[in-house]
Protein backbone atom coordinates (compact mmCIF):
# COMPACT_ATOMS: atom_id res chain seq x y z
CA THR A 1 60.02 113.95 130.51
CA THR A 2 60.48 111.00 128.22
CA LEU A 3 63.71 112.52 126.89
CA ALA A 4 65.16 112.76 130.40
CA ASN A 5 64.32 109.11 131.04
CA LEU A 6 65.84 108.14 127.69
CA GLY A 7 69.02 110.03 128.58
CA MET A 8 69.29 108.15 131.87
CA ALA A 9 68.70 104.88 130.03
CA TYR A 10 71.48 105.71 127.56
CA ASN A 11 73.79 106.45 130.50
CA GLY A 12 72.88 103.07 131.98
CA GLN A 13 73.84 101.43 128.69
CA ALA A 14 77.13 103.36 128.46
CA ARG A 15 75.88 105.18 125.35
CA TRP A 16 77.44 108.44 126.51
CA GLY A 17 77.22 110.42 123.27
CA GLU A 18 73.56 109.62 122.78
CA ALA A 19 72.92 110.41 126.44
CA THR A 20 74.40 113.89 126.10
CA ASP A 21 72.38 114.65 122.96
CA VAL A 22 69.08 113.56 124.48
CA CYS A 23 69.79 115.16 127.86
CA GLU A 24 70.62 118.52 126.26
CA ARG A 25 67.23 118.48 124.52
CA ALA A 26 65.47 117.41 127.72
CA LEU A 27 67.23 120.14 129.70
CA ALA A 28 65.96 122.84 127.33
CA ILE A 29 62.39 121.56 127.64
CA LEU A 30 62.54 121.23 131.43
CA HIS A 31 63.95 124.74 131.71
CA GLU A 32 61.15 126.11 129.56
CA LEU A 33 58.61 124.28 131.75
CA GLY A 34 60.23 125.57 134.94
CA ASP A 35 60.83 122.05 136.26
CA ARG A 36 63.82 122.77 138.50
CA HIS A 37 64.02 119.27 139.96
CA GLY A 38 63.95 117.76 136.49
CA GLU A 39 66.70 120.15 135.42
CA GLY A 40 68.84 119.05 138.35
CA MET A 41 68.33 115.39 137.53
CA VAL A 42 69.19 115.88 133.85
CA LEU A 43 72.24 117.95 134.75
CA THR A 44 73.53 115.04 136.85
CA SER A 45 72.93 112.73 133.89
CA LEU A 46 74.88 115.13 131.66
CA GLY A 47 77.66 115.27 134.24
CA ASN A 48 77.78 111.49 134.34
CA ALA A 49 77.96 111.19 130.56
CA HIS A 50 80.68 113.84 130.27
CA GLU A 51 82.60 112.17 133.09
CA HIS A 52 82.69 108.93 131.11
CA LEU A 53 83.55 110.74 127.89
CA GLY A 54 86.62 112.18 129.63
CA ALA A 55 85.31 115.74 129.58
CA GLN A 56 85.94 116.36 133.28
CA GLU A 57 85.55 120.17 133.10
CA ASP A 58 82.14 119.79 131.45
CA ALA A 59 81.18 117.18 134.03
CA CYS A 60 82.10 119.56 136.86
CA ALA A 61 80.13 122.39 135.27
CA HIS A 62 76.99 120.23 135.00
CA TYR A 63 77.39 118.90 138.53
CA ASP A 64 77.91 122.42 139.89
CA ARG A 65 74.70 123.60 138.21
CA ALA A 66 72.82 120.55 139.50
CA LEU A 67 74.13 121.11 143.02
CA ALA A 68 72.94 124.72 142.99
CA ILE A 69 69.46 123.56 142.01
CA PHE A 70 69.36 120.80 144.62
CA ARG A 71 70.47 123.27 147.29
CA GLU A 72 67.76 125.71 146.18
CA LEU A 73 65.16 122.92 146.38
CA GLU A 74 66.63 121.49 149.60
CA ASP A 75 66.82 118.10 147.86
CA HIS A 76 68.90 116.06 150.28
CA HIS A 77 69.45 113.04 148.03
CA GLY A 78 70.30 115.22 145.03
CA LYS A 79 72.88 117.17 147.04
CA VAL A 80 74.57 114.04 148.40
CA TYR A 81 74.72 112.29 145.02
CA THR A 82 76.03 115.37 143.23
CA LEU A 83 78.65 116.12 145.89
CA ALA A 84 79.88 112.53 145.69
CA ARG A 85 80.19 112.77 141.90
CA LEU A 86 82.01 116.10 142.18
CA GLY A 87 84.41 114.51 144.65
CA ALA A 88 85.12 111.70 142.21
CA VAL A 89 85.71 114.04 139.26
CA HIS A 90 87.95 116.38 141.24
CA GLY A 91 89.90 113.38 142.52
CA ARG A 92 90.46 112.09 138.99
CA ARG A 93 91.61 115.55 137.94
CA GLY A 94 94.18 115.46 140.73
CA ASP A 95 92.46 118.22 142.71
CA ASP A 96 92.41 116.41 146.03
CA VAL A 97 91.57 119.59 147.95
CA ARG A 98 88.30 120.10 146.08
CA ALA A 99 87.58 116.37 146.10
CA ARG A 100 88.03 116.29 149.87
CA GLU A 101 85.75 119.33 150.29
CA ALA A 102 83.00 117.71 148.24
CA TYR A 103 83.23 114.40 150.09
CA ILE A 104 83.19 116.11 153.49
CA GLN A 105 80.10 118.09 152.51
CA ALA A 106 78.41 114.85 151.42
CA LEU A 107 79.35 113.16 154.70
CA GLU A 108 77.85 116.04 156.68
CA LEU A 109 74.50 115.29 155.03
CA LEU A 110 74.58 111.52 155.50
CA ASP A 111 73.63 109.34 158.45
CA PRO A 112 76.91 107.93 159.86
CA ALA A 113 75.24 104.52 160.20
CA SER A 114 74.38 104.32 156.49
CA GLU A 115 76.18 102.35 153.81
CA ASP A 116 76.41 105.53 151.73
CA TYR A 117 78.31 107.20 154.56
CA GLU A 118 80.77 104.30 154.68
CA GLN A 119 81.27 104.45 150.90
CA VAL A 120 81.90 108.20 150.80
CA GLN A 121 84.19 107.89 153.84
CA GLN A 122 86.20 105.26 151.96
CA TRP A 123 86.50 107.50 148.89
CA LEU A 124 87.70 110.30 151.15
CA GLU A 125 90.29 108.03 152.78
CA ASP A 126 91.47 106.87 149.34
CA LEU A 127 92.54 110.39 148.40
CA ASN A 128 96.20 111.29 148.65
CA PRO A 129 97.01 112.72 152.10
């Protein structure tokens, strides 16, 4: 929907508060329409906005909901992206165990020859032992 795109644009402009407002409205519409993929995408946008607003618990909740949808839809890219974001949020919260779990799950889905694999591997190595 246009609202979902606007929310992503606000995220891209670091307008986190506006992004959350618009994404919440988009999420309600997408849910009513039964657009599961759209819901997953908007939930990742909400997670991103909350992450930057410092609301890590809210970010995790949105990412967890998005991940469940992407798993249901077998959306490979959505799962990898969301797991990587969850790893980052858990790491910032000091929960290295959950961060490590998320990163490992993302790595299991990625091609070891890809740049994304190298990036997630680096994030995993950067965690406290």
